[in-house]
Amino acid sequence: MNAREPALVPASRAARLRQMLISNELEFLMEAHNGLSARIAREAGFKAIWGSGLSISAQFGVRDNNEASWTQVVDNLEFMADASDLPILLDGDTGYGNFNNVRRLVRKLEQRGIAGVCIEDKVFPKTNSFIGGEAQPLADIDEFCGKIKAGKDSQTDENFSIVARVEALIAGWGMDEALKRAEAYRLAGADAILIHSKLSKADEILTFAREWAGRGPLVIVPTKYYSTPTEVFRKAGISTVIWANHQIRAALSAMQAVTKTIYDTQTLVDVEDRIATVNEIFRLQDADEYSEAENRYLSANSRGAGSAIVLAASRGSGLDAYTEDKPKVMLPVAGKPLLRWLVDAFKKQSVNDITVVGGYKAEAIDTAGIKLVRNDRYASTNELASLACAVGKLENDTVISYGDLLFRSYILRDLVETEADFSVIVDSSPATENSSTRDFAWCSAADERDLFGNKVFLQRVSGEQEANGAQAHGRWIGLLNVRGAGRDKLAKKLAQLQTRADFDTLDVPALLNALIEDGEQIEVQYVHGHWRGVNDLEDFRRAGDFAHAQTPLGSDVVTPDSAEGNA
């Protein structure tokens, strides 16, 4: 830009809304009812927001007949305007009274950066148009024109828009009355006409548009005639389409489903992985500022583990037909690779520094969001040799994980929140769903599900149940957390084991047992199911069902893929 040229000043919200109303292109407004939904509408790509009277009253828990005062509505709009820089057109009902109320409303909306208001020609207090619309009286034409004129005379921003909503078709007064009222409102100074219909087909709207013949911008709300192709509206010369209440309705369905599930099951386990994370709320509330505050006010320990090492060098036993061109961790489960489920689970717990140790077909591993190191001797070595390739990554508190795991999010959350130098996850449930996992664990105490606060420590891990010995307390699932001084202790023990002639044959349980022999305490976090290990073909076939149960509510997934489809 030439240094002498003045910087371009972004158009005001009111100017942007006015441009949308008069544009030759069909424009769209998305309903929002609070700051969060306003930000979501912006992120989706919408250029402007419809401040729906129905949705705003619904989120207050009151009826859409002016039970929420206009000051409460305006205060709510202030949060919406702060959360998004989009123009907002308020559904202003009847203007909340006579001409004087409209004058004050316009001034207050302008003070809060609202771009325009839509007022309807019904009698205050109004009732939603779809509730007995034909029985609702309409305002006198001259009186309503007075409201429009009062609003236009009160605005200080020339681009502030007043949209006049015609209810004649809703009230059953006919097309001629609708056209007569629209023309009167146009002449009174309305910047656009909103024509409303409750029919399931767009016949009335298209007839009105044809008779209106482009005398001014025309706005519609196709809530009832939603099946009409949008191209029909373009050809009819419609200016703007309002999607009037769909965020609040989507939220309602999800809230009802989740709340009923929690009530019925008396646990959060079945819903936690299917709803937005708390971190997603933080992000919508301004992630950058929150992260700065988190770093300023929270200790490092309270932010959870910082790193992860994923052991993913193997091809997979009994999976040769599916792993000719990829390692086991890249097998698709419910629409995404097994490794991606694991990486997403780590990132969900703010474990973002993730190192994956690849081996077989390592070049096929998706490296998005991870660091890849290679165990080039994967074919002749075991797990500890792979861990040794990444031991230099033990700079922060670190989770060491097998690469073939699926689990509910609380399992990792509880693991990284422990304060112990070493902690592991042990499953105490019967060996039915994960029978292929053979890392049996003996602990200092059995899993007493109703006793909390008593620490349990790992005593040994073995690949076989001991004959004539005590029954194992469960199975280690393949998750180890190392923090604080434990990092140096693990690195030193690993270095000692590397001097053994049989090092290449050793697995992670051998490392755990060696630490225990040295007197280290490895804290046990018990779980009772809620995970899957993918060790063989049968595990792989069953993994899809488990993964689908973690799919977020509202996703496109309708029915689980078959195991063959996953493959």
Protein backbone atom coordinates (compact mmCIF):
# COMPACT_ATOMS: atom_id res chain seq x y z
CA MET A 1 0.00 0.00 0.00
CA ASN A 2 1.26 3.49 -0.82
CA ALA A 3 2.44 5.24 2.34
CA ARG A 4 0.28 8.28 1.49
CA GLU A 5 -2.89 6.25 1.21
CA PRO A 6 -5.01 6.17 4.36
CA ALA A 7 -5.57 2.76 5.94
CA LEU A 8 -8.89 1.19 5.08
CA VAL A 9 -11.34 1.41 7.96
CA PRO A 10 -13.45 -1.74 8.32
CA ALA A 11 -17.10 -1.14 7.59
CA SER A 12 -19.27 -0.85 10.67
CA ARG A 13 -21.56 -3.70 11.58
CA ALA A 14 -24.57 -1.66 10.58
CA ALA A 15 -23.00 -0.89 7.19
CA ARG A 16 -22.25 -4.57 6.61
CA LEU A 17 -25.82 -5.60 7.41
CA ARG A 18 -27.22 -2.87 5.15
CA GLN A 19 -24.98 -4.06 2.33
CA MET A 20 -26.28 -7.60 2.79
CA LEU A 21 -29.89 -6.41 2.62
CA ILE A 22 -29.38 -4.51 -0.63
CA SER A 23 -26.96 -7.00 -2.21
CA ASN A 24 -27.79 -8.62 -5.52
CA GLU A 25 -26.62 -11.91 -4.01
CA LEU A 26 -28.77 -14.02 -1.72
CA GLU A 27 -27.49 -13.55 1.83
CA PHE A 28 -27.97 -15.63 4.99
CA LEU A 29 -28.35 -14.85 8.69
CA MET A 30 -27.86 -17.54 11.35
CA GLU A 31 -29.74 -17.59 14.61
CA ALA A 32 -27.83 -17.06 17.84
CA HIS A 33 -29.11 -16.52 21.36
CA ASN A 34 -26.04 -15.87 23.51
CA GLY A 35 -22.32 -15.15 23.24
CA LEU A 36 -21.32 -18.78 22.72
CA SER A 37 -23.76 -19.38 19.87
CA ALA A 38 -22.79 -16.06 18.29
CA ARG A 39 -19.16 -17.15 18.19
CA ILE A 40 -20.14 -20.53 16.76
CA ALA A 41 -22.10 -18.81 13.97
CA ARG A 42 -19.04 -16.72 13.15
CA GLU A 43 -16.72 -19.73 13.10
CA ALA A 44 -19.11 -21.55 10.74
CA GLY A 45 -18.64 -18.73 8.23
CA PHE A 46 -21.86 -16.73 8.53
CA LYS A 47 -21.64 -13.03 7.81
CA ALA A 48 -24.42 -11.92 10.15
CA ILE A 49 -26.58 -13.08 13.05
CA TRP A 50 -30.31 -13.19 13.68
CA GLY A 51 -30.96 -12.39 17.35
CA SER A 52 -34.00 -14.64 17.56
CA GLY A 53 -36.74 -13.64 19.99
CA LEU A 54 -37.84 -17.26 20.32
CA SER A 55 -34.31 -18.52 21.03
CA ILE A 56 -33.38 -15.73 23.43
CA SER A 57 -36.58 -16.19 25.43
CA ALA A 58 -36.09 -19.98 25.36
CA GLN A 59 -32.57 -19.77 26.77
CA PHE A 60 -34.05 -17.62 29.56
CA GLY A 61 -36.62 -20.40 30.06
CA VAL A 62 -39.65 -18.17 29.38
CA ARG A 63 -42.30 -17.98 26.68
CA ASP A 64 -41.90 -16.04 23.46
CA ASN A 65 -44.51 -13.43 24.30
CA ASN A 66 -42.43 -10.66 25.88
CA GLU A 67 -42.00 -12.40 29.22
CA ALA A 68 -38.33 -11.43 28.94
CA SER A 69 -38.16 -7.65 29.14
CA TRP A 70 -36.57 -5.64 26.37
CA THR A 71 -33.77 -4.57 28.72
CA GLN A 72 -32.96 -8.23 29.46
CA VAL A 73 -32.88 -8.92 25.73
CA VAL A 74 -30.60 -5.96 25.06
CA ASP A 75 -28.25 -6.95 27.87
CA ASN A 76 -28.04 -10.42 26.34
CA LEU A 77 -27.26 -8.88 22.95
CA GLU A 78 -24.32 -7.06 24.48
CA PHE A 79 -22.68 -10.40 25.28
CA MET A 80 -23.41 -11.58 21.74
CA ALA A 81 -21.85 -8.46 20.23
CA ASP A 82 -18.77 -8.81 22.45
CA ALA A 83 -18.33 -12.47 21.48
CA SER A 84 -18.53 -11.86 17.74
CA ASP A 85 -17.81 -8.99 15.39
CA LEU A 86 -20.70 -9.98 13.13
CA PRO A 87 -23.65 -7.68 12.46
CA ILE A 88 -26.68 -8.64 14.54
CA LEU A 89 -30.27 -8.10 13.40
CA LEU A 90 -32.47 -8.28 16.48
CA ASP A 91 -35.86 -9.92 16.36
CA GLY A 92 -37.47 -6.99 18.18
CA ASP A 93 -41.02 -8.41 18.33
CA THR A 94 -43.47 -5.47 18.16
CA GLY A 95 -40.88 -2.96 19.34
CA TYR A 96 -41.83 -3.63 22.98
CA GLY A 97 -44.59 -1.01 23.04
CA ASN A 98 -45.54 2.11 21.12
CA PHE A 99 -43.46 4.54 19.07
CA ASN A 100 -41.68 5.83 22.17
CA ASN A 101 -40.49 2.36 23.15
CA VAL A 102 -39.14 1.88 19.62
CA ARG A 103 -37.22 5.16 19.80
CA ARG A 104 -35.54 4.14 23.05
CA LEU A 105 -34.91 0.61 21.77
CA VAL A 106 -33.10 1.88 18.67
CA ARG A 107 -30.86 4.16 20.74
CA LYS A 108 -29.96 1.38 23.14
CA LEU A 109 -29.24 -1.08 20.33
CA GLU A 110 -26.94 1.39 18.61
CA GLN A 111 -25.07 1.96 21.87
CA ARG A 112 -24.31 -1.77 21.98
CA GLY A 113 -23.21 -2.04 18.37
CA ILE A 114 -26.31 -3.88 17.12
CA ALA A 115 -26.76 -3.42 13.37
CA GLY A 116 -30.53 -3.42 13.06
CA VAL A 117 -33.91 -4.44 14.42
CA CYS A 118 -36.88 -6.24 12.93
CA ILE A 119 -40.31 -5.26 14.26
CA GLU A 120 -43.59 -7.01 13.44
CA ASP A 121 -47.05 -5.56 12.93
CA LYS A 122 -48.76 -7.33 15.82
CA VAL A 123 -50.05 -6.05 19.16
CA PHE A 124 -47.89 -5.85 22.29
CA PRO A 125 -47.38 -8.17 24.12
CA LYS A 126 -46.86 -10.51 21.18
CA THR A 127 -47.14 -14.30 20.97
CA ASN A 128 -45.03 -16.46 18.68
CA SER A 129 -46.51 -16.49 15.19
CA PHE A 130 -46.78 -20.28 15.07
CA ILE A 131 -49.02 -20.41 18.17
CA GLY A 132 -52.58 -19.64 17.05
CA GLY A 133 -51.40 -17.12 14.49
CA GLU A 134 -54.81 -16.62 12.87
CA ALA A 135 -56.31 -15.60 16.20
CA GLN A 136 -53.70 -12.93 16.85
CA PRO A 137 -54.71 -9.32 16.07
CA LEU A 138 -52.61 -7.12 13.81
CA ALA A 139 -51.58 -3.55 14.54
CA ASP A 140 -53.23 -0.63 12.79
CA ILE A 141 -51.24 0.22 9.66
CA ASP A 142 -50.85 3.90 10.47
CA GLU A 143 -49.79 3.15 14.04
CA PHE A 144 -47.16 0.68 12.86
CA CYS A 145 -45.89 3.14 10.25
CA GLY A 146 -45.47 5.60 13.10
CA LYS A 147 -43.21 3.13 14.88
CA ILE A 148 -41.06 2.76 11.78
CA LYS A 149 -40.76 6.52 11.35
CA ALA A 150 -39.95 6.99 15.04
CA GLY A 151 -37.21 4.38 14.83
CA LYS A 152 -35.67 5.88 11.69
CA ASP A 153 -35.75 9.37 13.18
CA SER A 154 -34.01 8.13 16.33
CA GLN A 155 -31.05 6.35 14.77
CA THR A 156 -27.70 8.14 14.71
CA ASP A 157 -25.98 5.68 12.34
CA GLU A 158 -27.37 6.15 8.86
CA ASN A 159 -26.79 2.46 8.17
CA PHE A 160 -28.80 1.15 11.11
CA SER A 161 -31.56 -0.94 9.57
CA ILE A 162 -35.20 -1.31 10.51
CA VAL A 163 -36.87 -4.34 8.96
CA ALA A 164 -40.67 -4.39 8.95
CA ARG A 165 -42.17 -7.84 9.41
CA VAL A 166 -45.56 -8.44 7.80
CA GLU A 167 -47.79 -10.93 9.64
CA ALA A 168 -50.87 -10.71 7.40
CA LEU A 169 -50.33 -14.14 5.85
CA ILE A 170 -49.79 -15.74 9.27
CA ALA A 171 -52.97 -14.12 10.59
CA GLY A 172 -55.01 -15.23 7.57
CA TRP A 173 -55.70 -11.72 6.24
CA GLY A 174 -54.68 -12.65 2.71
CA MET A 175 -52.21 -11.63 0.03
CA ASP A 176 -53.73 -8.25 -0.81
CA GLU A 177 -53.51 -7.15 2.81
CA ALA A 178 -49.92 -8.37 3.04
CA LEU A 179 -48.92 -6.39 -0.05
CA LYS A 180 -50.78 -3.28 1.13
CA ARG A 181 -49.04 -3.35 4.51
CA ALA A 182 -45.61 -4.00 3.01
CA GLU A 183 -45.93 -1.03 0.66
CA ALA A 184 -47.07 1.24 3.49
CA TYR A 185 -44.11 0.17 5.61
CA ARG A 186 -41.70 0.73 2.74
CA LEU A 187 -43.00 4.25 2.26
CA ALA A 188 -42.70 4.86 6.02
CA GLY A 189 -38.96 4.22 5.74
CA ALA A 190 -38.46 0.49 6.41
CA ASP A 191 -35.12 -0.67 5.02
CA ALA A 192 -36.47 -4.12 4.17
CA ILE A 193 -39.66 -6.16 4.37
CA LEU A 194 -39.81 -9.54 6.10
CA ILE A 195 -42.72 -11.58 4.79
CA HIS A 196 -43.72 -14.50 7.00
CA SER A 197 -45.66 -17.67 6.27
CA LYS A 198 -46.53 -20.79 8.26
CA LEU A 199 -47.28 -23.03 5.27
CA SER A 200 -45.09 -26.06 4.60
CA LYS A 201 -44.63 -24.97 0.99
CA ALA A 202 -43.28 -21.64 -0.23
CA ASP A 203 -46.28 -20.84 -2.45
CA GLU A 204 -47.39 -17.76 -0.49
CA ILE A 205 -43.84 -16.42 -0.27
CA LEU A 206 -43.17 -16.85 -3.98
CA THR A 207 -46.50 -15.22 -4.88
CA PHE A 208 -45.72 -12.28 -2.62
CA ALA A 209 -42.22 -11.94 -4.10
CA ARG A 210 -43.63 -11.92 -7.62
CA GLU A 211 -46.21 -9.24 -6.76
CA TRP A 212 -43.69 -7.25 -4.75
CA ALA A 213 -41.56 -7.02 -7.89
CA GLY A 214 -38.36 -5.86 -6.22
CA ARG A 215 -39.70 -2.66 -4.70
CA GLY A 216 -37.27 -3.15 -1.83
CA PRO A 217 -35.19 -5.81 -0.07
CA LEU A 218 -37.24 -8.87 0.85
CA VAL A 219 -36.36 -11.10 3.82
CA ILE A 220 -37.81 -14.56 4.52
CA VAL A 221 -37.74 -17.14 7.34
CA PRO A 222 -38.19 -20.63 5.81
CA THR A 223 -38.67 -22.48 9.10
CA LYS A 224 -41.86 -24.18 7.89
CA TYR A 225 -41.10 -24.47 4.17
CA TYR A 226 -37.51 -25.61 4.75
CA SER A 227 -37.62 -28.24 1.98
CA THR A 228 -37.81 -25.56 -0.70
CA PRO A 229 -34.51 -25.51 -2.63
CA THR A 230 -32.50 -22.40 -1.86
CA GLU A 231 -32.09 -21.77 -5.59
CA VAL A 232 -35.83 -21.06 -5.74
CA PHE A 233 -35.33 -18.14 -3.38
CA ARG A 234 -32.54 -16.77 -5.54
CA LYS A 235 -34.68 -16.89 -8.65
CA ALA A 236 -37.55 -15.22 -6.78
CA GLY A 237 -35.39 -12.19 -5.98
CA ILE A 238 -35.26 -12.76 -2.23
CA SER A 239 -32.59 -10.64 -0.54
CA THR A 240 -31.93 -12.45 2.71
CA VAL A 241 -32.76 -15.81 4.28
CA ILE A 242 -32.89 -16.19 8.06
CA TRP A 243 -32.18 -19.59 9.62
CA ALA A 244 -34.23 -18.65 12.62
CA ASN A 245 -33.91 -21.10 15.51
CA HIS A 246 -31.67 -23.99 14.62
CA GLN A 247 -28.82 -23.55 17.10
CA ILE A 248 -31.20 -23.53 20.07
CA ARG A 249 -33.07 -26.55 18.70
CA ALA A 250 -29.86 -28.50 18.12
CA ALA A 251 -28.67 -27.66 21.64
CA LEU A 252 -32.04 -28.72 23.07
CA SER A 253 -31.90 -32.17 21.48
CA ALA A 254 -28.36 -32.79 22.68
CA MET A 255 -29.08 -31.56 26.21
CA GLN A 256 -32.16 -33.75 26.51
CA ALA A 257 -30.28 -36.85 25.34
CA VAL A 258 -27.26 -36.31 27.57
CA THR A 259 -29.28 -35.38 30.65
CA LYS A 260 -31.53 -38.43 30.31
CA THR A 261 -28.53 -40.72 29.88
CA ILE A 262 -26.85 -39.32 32.99
CA TYR A 263 -30.07 -39.67 34.98
CA ASP A 264 -30.64 -43.25 33.84
CA THR A 265 -27.04 -44.47 34.29
CA GLN A 266 -26.00 -42.36 37.31
CA THR A 267 -22.56 -41.92 35.78
CA LEU A 268 -20.79 -39.68 33.29
CA VAL A 269 -18.83 -42.51 31.71
CA ASP A 270 -21.31 -43.06 28.87
CA VAL A 271 -21.49 -39.41 27.80
CA GLU A 272 -18.14 -37.77 28.55
CA ASP A 273 -16.50 -38.87 25.31
CA ARG A 274 -19.52 -37.85 23.19
CA ILE A 275 -19.84 -34.21 24.17
CA ALA A 276 -17.66 -31.15 23.75
CA THR A 277 -14.68 -30.97 26.05
CA VAL A 278 -14.35 -28.31 28.69
CA ASN A 279 -11.30 -27.13 26.75
CA GLU A 280 -13.54 -26.50 23.74
CA ILE A 281 -15.63 -24.19 25.90
CA PHE A 282 -12.45 -22.47 27.03
CA ARG A 283 -11.44 -22.03 23.38
CA LEU A 284 -14.77 -20.46 22.46
CA GLN A 285 -14.39 -18.18 25.45
CA ASP A 286 -11.04 -16.98 23.95
CA ALA A 287 -8.39 -19.68 23.99
CA ASP A 288 -5.35 -17.41 23.71
CA GLU A 289 -6.25 -15.34 26.75
CA TYR A 290 -7.16 -18.44 28.73
CA SER A 291 -3.84 -20.12 27.90
CA GLU A 292 -1.94 -17.05 29.08
CA ALA A 293 -3.93 -17.01 32.30
CA GLU A 294 -3.38 -20.74 32.76
CA ASN A 295 0.38 -20.33 32.45
CA ARG A 296 0.27 -17.38 34.84
CA TYR A 297 -1.90 -18.82 37.60
CA LEU A 298 -1.64 -22.63 37.47
CA SER A 299 1.34 -24.68 38.56
CA ALA A 300 2.96 -27.03 36.08
CA ASN A 301 1.63 -30.08 37.95
CA SER A 302 -1.97 -28.90 37.72
CA ARG A 303 -1.73 -28.75 33.94
CA GLY A 304 -1.17 -32.50 33.59
CA ALA A 305 1.54 -34.44 31.80
CA GLY A 306 3.41 -32.68 29.08
CA SER A 307 4.63 -35.51 26.85
CA ALA A 308 3.88 -38.98 25.60
CA ILE A 309 5.90 -41.81 24.04
CA VAL A 310 3.90 -44.26 21.94
CA LEU A 311 5.46 -47.63 21.14
CA ALA A 312 4.27 -48.49 17.63
CA ALA A 313 7.00 -50.47 15.91
CA SER A 314 5.25 -53.80 15.38
CA ARG A 315 3.32 -55.09 12.40
CA GLY A 316 0.75 -56.86 14.55
CA SER A 317 0.24 -60.54 15.28
CA GLY A 318 -2.28 -62.32 13.07
CA LEU A 319 -3.02 -59.14 11.10
CA ASP A 320 -0.82 -59.81 8.08
CA ALA A 321 -3.72 -59.54 5.62
CA TYR A 322 -4.37 -55.97 6.74
CA THR A 323 -0.83 -54.74 7.34
CA GLU A 324 0.92 -55.39 4.05
CA ASP A 325 1.37 -51.67 3.44
CA LYS A 326 0.96 -50.19 6.92
CA PRO A 327 1.79 -50.89 10.57
CA LYS A 328 -0.89 -51.99 12.98
CA VAL A 329 -1.29 -48.49 14.44
CA MET A 330 -2.46 -47.17 11.06
CA LEU A 331 -5.31 -49.66 10.69
CA PRO A 332 -8.63 -47.79 10.34
CA VAL A 333 -11.00 -48.14 13.27
CA ALA A 334 -14.43 -46.50 12.95
CA GLY A 335 -13.21 -44.16 10.25
CA LYS A 336 -9.77 -43.12 11.50
CA PRO A 337 -6.45 -44.81 12.19
CA LEU A 338 -5.91 -46.51 15.54
CA LEU A 339 -2.99 -44.18 16.22
CA ARG A 340 -5.15 -41.11 15.61
CA TRP A 341 -7.62 -42.26 18.30
CA LEU A 342 -4.69 -42.44 20.69
CA VAL A 343 -3.18 -39.09 19.66
CA ASP A 344 -6.56 -37.37 19.96
CA ALA A 345 -7.00 -38.86 23.43
CA PHE A 346 -3.63 -37.43 24.50
CA LYS A 347 -4.35 -34.00 23.08
CA LYS A 348 -7.72 -33.99 24.82
CA GLN A 349 -5.79 -34.14 28.11
CA SER A 350 -3.34 -31.40 27.01
CA VAL A 351 -0.60 -33.95 26.34
CA ASN A 352 0.56 -32.32 23.14
CA ASP A 353 4.24 -33.32 22.84
CA ILE A 354 3.82 -36.82 21.41
CA THR A 355 6.67 -39.03 20.16
CA VAL A 356 5.80 -42.19 18.24
CA VAL A 357 8.40 -44.95 17.87
CA GLY A 358 7.81 -46.56 14.49
CA GLY A 359 9.41 -49.60 12.96
CA TYR A 360 7.55 -51.76 10.46
CA LYS A 361 6.33 -49.55 7.57
CA ALA A 362 7.16 -46.46 9.62
CA GLU A 363 6.95 -44.38 6.45
CA ALA A 364 3.19 -45.02 6.40
CA ILE A 365 2.62 -43.43 9.82
CA ASP A 366 0.71 -40.16 9.70
CA THR A 367 3.02 -37.66 11.41
CA ALA A 368 0.43 -34.90 11.86
CA GLY A 369 0.71 -33.66 15.44
CA ILE A 370 3.47 -36.10 16.42
CA LYS A 371 7.24 -36.60 16.29
CA LEU A 372 8.35 -39.84 14.68
CA VAL A 373 11.48 -41.74 15.65
CA ARG A 374 12.41 -45.14 14.21
CA ASN A 375 13.53 -48.41 15.66
CA ASP A 376 15.32 -49.75 12.60
CA ARG A 377 15.89 -53.05 14.40
CA TYR A 378 12.21 -53.61 15.09
CA ALA A 379 12.19 -57.06 13.47
CA SER A 380 14.71 -58.48 15.97
CA THR A 381 13.99 -56.43 19.09
CA ASN A 382 11.23 -55.98 21.64
CA GLU A 383 9.54 -53.04 23.38
CA LEU A 384 12.44 -51.79 25.50
CA ALA A 385 14.64 -51.38 22.43
CA SER A 386 11.91 -49.14 20.97
CA LEU A 387 11.62 -47.20 24.22
CA ALA A 388 15.38 -46.71 24.22
CA CYS A 389 15.08 -44.96 20.84
CA ALA A 390 12.94 -42.26 22.50
CA VAL A 391 14.36 -42.13 26.01
CA GLY A 392 15.84 -38.73 25.21
CA LYS A 393 12.29 -37.39 25.08
CA LEU A 394 11.86 -37.83 28.86
CA GLU A 395 12.30 -34.10 29.46
CA ASN A 396 8.81 -33.58 30.89
CA ASP A 397 6.32 -35.68 32.80
CA THR A 398 5.62 -38.40 30.26
CA VAL A 399 3.04 -41.07 29.51
CA ILE A 400 4.48 -44.23 27.94
CA SER A 401 1.82 -46.07 25.98
CA TYR A 402 1.37 -49.04 23.73
CA GLY A 403 0.25 -47.93 20.30
CA ASP A 404 -2.72 -50.29 19.98
CA LEU A 405 -4.98 -48.92 22.72
CA LEU A 406 -8.47 -47.45 22.78
CA PHE A 407 -9.85 -46.15 26.07
CA ARG A 408 -12.35 -43.83 27.69
CA SER A 409 -10.90 -40.40 28.32
CA TYR A 410 -11.15 -40.56 32.11
CA ILE A 411 -8.53 -43.32 32.19
CA LEU A 412 -5.79 -41.07 30.81
CA ARG A 413 -7.06 -38.08 32.79
CA ASP A 414 -6.78 -39.96 36.10
CA LEU A 415 -3.35 -41.31 35.14
CA VAL A 416 -1.76 -37.93 34.38
CA GLU A 417 -3.26 -36.34 37.49
CA THR A 418 -1.44 -38.73 39.87
CA GLU A 419 1.45 -37.29 41.88
CA ALA A 420 3.48 -40.51 42.04
CA ASP A 421 6.85 -40.87 40.29
CA PHE A 422 5.44 -43.95 38.55
CA SER A 423 1.82 -44.93 38.01
CA VAL A 424 0.08 -47.50 35.84
CA ILE A 425 -3.44 -48.47 34.81
CA VAL A 426 -4.61 -51.94 35.85
CA ASP A 427 -7.94 -53.40 34.72
CA SER A 428 -9.62 -55.46 37.45
CA SER A 429 -12.53 -56.67 35.32
CA PRO A 430 -12.81 -60.36 34.30
CA ALA A 431 -10.67 -61.31 31.30
CA THR A 432 -13.52 -61.50 28.79
CA GLU A 433 -13.47 -58.47 26.49
CA ASN A 434 -9.68 -58.05 26.49
CA SER A 435 -8.65 -61.66 26.85
CA SER A 436 -5.73 -61.29 24.42
CA THR A 437 -3.90 -59.01 26.86
CA ARG A 438 -1.62 -61.21 28.95
CA ASP A 439 0.20 -58.69 31.16
CA PHE A 440 -1.22 -59.98 34.45
CA ALA A 441 -0.69 -57.66 37.41
CA TRP A 442 -0.30 -58.48 41.09
CA CYS A 443 -0.85 -55.52 43.38
CA SER A 444 -0.64 -54.64 47.07
CA ALA A 445 -4.45 -54.77 47.33
CA ALA A 446 -7.41 -55.83 45.25
CA ASP A 447 -9.68 -53.33 43.52
CA GLU A 448 -12.25 -52.28 46.11
CA ARG A 449 -14.53 -50.10 43.98
CA ASP A 450 -16.21 -48.43 46.97
CA LEU A 451 -12.99 -47.50 48.82
CA PHE A 452 -11.17 -44.40 47.64
CA GLY A 453 -8.04 -42.77 49.00
CA ASN A 454 -6.14 -45.99 49.78
CA LYS A 455 -3.05 -46.19 47.61
CA VAL A 456 -2.35 -49.45 45.81
CA PHE A 457 1.07 -50.36 44.42
CA LEU A 458 2.20 -52.74 41.71
CA GLN A 459 4.10 -55.82 42.92
CA ARG A 460 4.90 -57.54 39.63
CA VAL A 461 3.72 -58.06 36.06
CA SER A 462 3.85 -61.41 34.31
CA GLY A 463 2.73 -62.84 31.00
CA GLU A 464 1.24 -65.91 32.67
CA GLN A 465 -0.94 -66.61 35.68
CA GLU A 466 1.21 -68.30 38.32
CA ALA A 467 0.46 -71.97 38.87
CA ASN A 468 -0.52 -72.73 42.48
CA GLY A 469 -0.09 -69.07 43.28
CA ALA A 470 -2.24 -66.10 44.16
CA GLN A 471 -4.70 -64.98 41.50
CA ALA A 472 -3.63 -61.81 39.68
CA HIS A 473 -5.53 -58.66 40.62
CA GLY A 474 -5.96 -57.60 37.02
CA ARG A 475 -4.06 -56.80 33.85
CA TRP A 476 -1.76 -53.92 33.05
CA ILE A 477 -3.30 -52.32 29.97
CA GLY A 478 -0.16 -50.68 28.54
CA LEU A 479 -0.18 -47.18 30.10
CA LEU A 480 2.65 -45.95 32.36
CA ASN A 481 3.02 -42.40 33.66
CA VAL A 482 6.47 -41.13 34.71
CA ARG A 483 6.86 -37.79 36.43
CA GLY A 484 9.33 -35.78 38.46
CA ALA A 485 12.28 -37.80 39.77
CA GLY A 486 10.83 -40.90 38.13
CA ARG A 487 12.11 -39.74 34.75
CA ASP A 488 15.78 -40.00 35.75
CA LYS A 489 15.17 -43.25 37.59
CA LEU A 490 13.55 -44.82 34.53
CA ALA A 491 16.30 -43.61 32.19
CA LYS A 492 19.01 -45.00 34.47
CA LYS A 493 17.26 -48.35 34.86
CA LEU A 494 16.77 -48.59 31.11
CA ALA A 495 20.50 -47.91 30.60
CA GLN A 496 21.36 -50.67 33.08
CA LEU A 497 19.08 -53.14 31.32
CA GLN A 498 20.75 -52.30 28.00
CA THR A 499 23.94 -53.90 29.32
CA ARG A 500 22.21 -57.27 29.59
CA ALA A 501 22.78 -59.81 26.84
CA ASP A 502 19.04 -60.43 26.55
CA PHE A 503 18.08 -56.73 26.34
CA ASP A 504 16.66 -57.06 22.82
CA THR A 505 14.06 -59.53 24.12
CA LEU A 506 12.82 -57.42 27.03
CA ASP A 507 9.42 -55.76 27.15
CA VAL A 508 8.01 -52.93 29.27
CA PRO A 509 6.77 -55.31 32.03
CA ALA A 510 10.42 -56.32 32.47
CA LEU A 511 11.26 -52.66 33.09
CA LEU A 512 8.41 -52.32 35.59
CA ASN A 513 9.56 -55.43 37.48
CA ALA A 514 13.16 -54.16 37.53
CA LEU A 515 12.04 -50.85 39.04
CA ILE A 516 10.02 -52.69 41.68
CA GLU A 517 13.04 -54.86 42.53
CA ASP A 518 14.99 -51.64 43.11
CA GLY A 519 12.40 -50.60 45.67
CA GLU A 520 10.50 -48.08 43.51
CA GLN A 521 6.80 -47.71 44.22
CA ILE A 522 4.57 -47.86 41.16
CA GLU A 523 1.11 -46.57 42.02
CA VAL A 524 -1.87 -48.44 40.57
CA GLN A 525 -4.94 -46.75 39.15
CA TYR A 526 -7.64 -49.38 38.84
CA VAL A 527 -10.23 -49.38 36.06
CA HIS A 528 -13.01 -51.84 35.39
CA GLY A 529 -13.14 -52.22 31.62
CA HIS A 530 -13.66 -49.21 29.36
CA TRP A 531 -10.65 -49.91 27.12
CA ARG A 532 -9.61 -52.12 24.24
CA GLY A 533 -6.28 -53.57 23.21
CA VAL A 534 -5.89 -54.50 19.55
CA ASN A 535 -3.60 -57.51 19.71
CA ASP A 536 -5.10 -59.84 17.13
CA LEU A 537 -7.75 -60.10 14.42
CA GLU A 538 -10.62 -60.65 16.84
CA ASP A 539 -9.62 -57.56 18.84
CA PHE A 540 -9.48 -55.56 15.60
CA ARG A 541 -12.96 -56.65 14.63
CA ARG A 542 -14.34 -55.61 17.99
CA ALA A 543 -12.49 -52.30 18.18
CA GLY A 544 -14.93 -50.53 15.85
CA ASP A 545 -17.88 -51.03 18.18
CA PHE A 546 -15.90 -49.63 21.10
CA ALA A 547 -14.71 -46.64 19.05
CA HIS A 548 -18.22 -45.82 17.80
CA ALA A 549 -19.36 -45.60 21.42
CA GLN A 550 -16.89 -42.70 21.82
CA THR A 551 -18.17 -40.84 18.73
CA PRO A 552 -19.36 -37.30 19.62
CA LEU A 553 -23.09 -36.68 19.68
CA GLY A 554 -24.20 -34.86 16.56
CA SER A 555 -21.57 -36.44 14.32
CA ASP A 556 -22.37 -37.91 10.93
CA VAL A 557 -21.84 -41.46 12.16
CA VAL A 558 -25.19 -43.27 12.11
CA THR A 559 -24.38 -46.98 12.28
CA PRO A 560 -21.13 -48.76 13.08
CA ASP A 561 -19.06 -50.00 10.18
CA SER A 562 -18.70 -53.73 9.98
CA ALA A 563 -15.35 -55.16 11.00
CA GLU A 564 -14.65 -55.93 7.37
CA GLY A 565 -15.56 -52.34 6.47
CA ASN A 566 -13.14 -51.06 9.10
CA ALA A 567 -10.48 -53.26 7.62
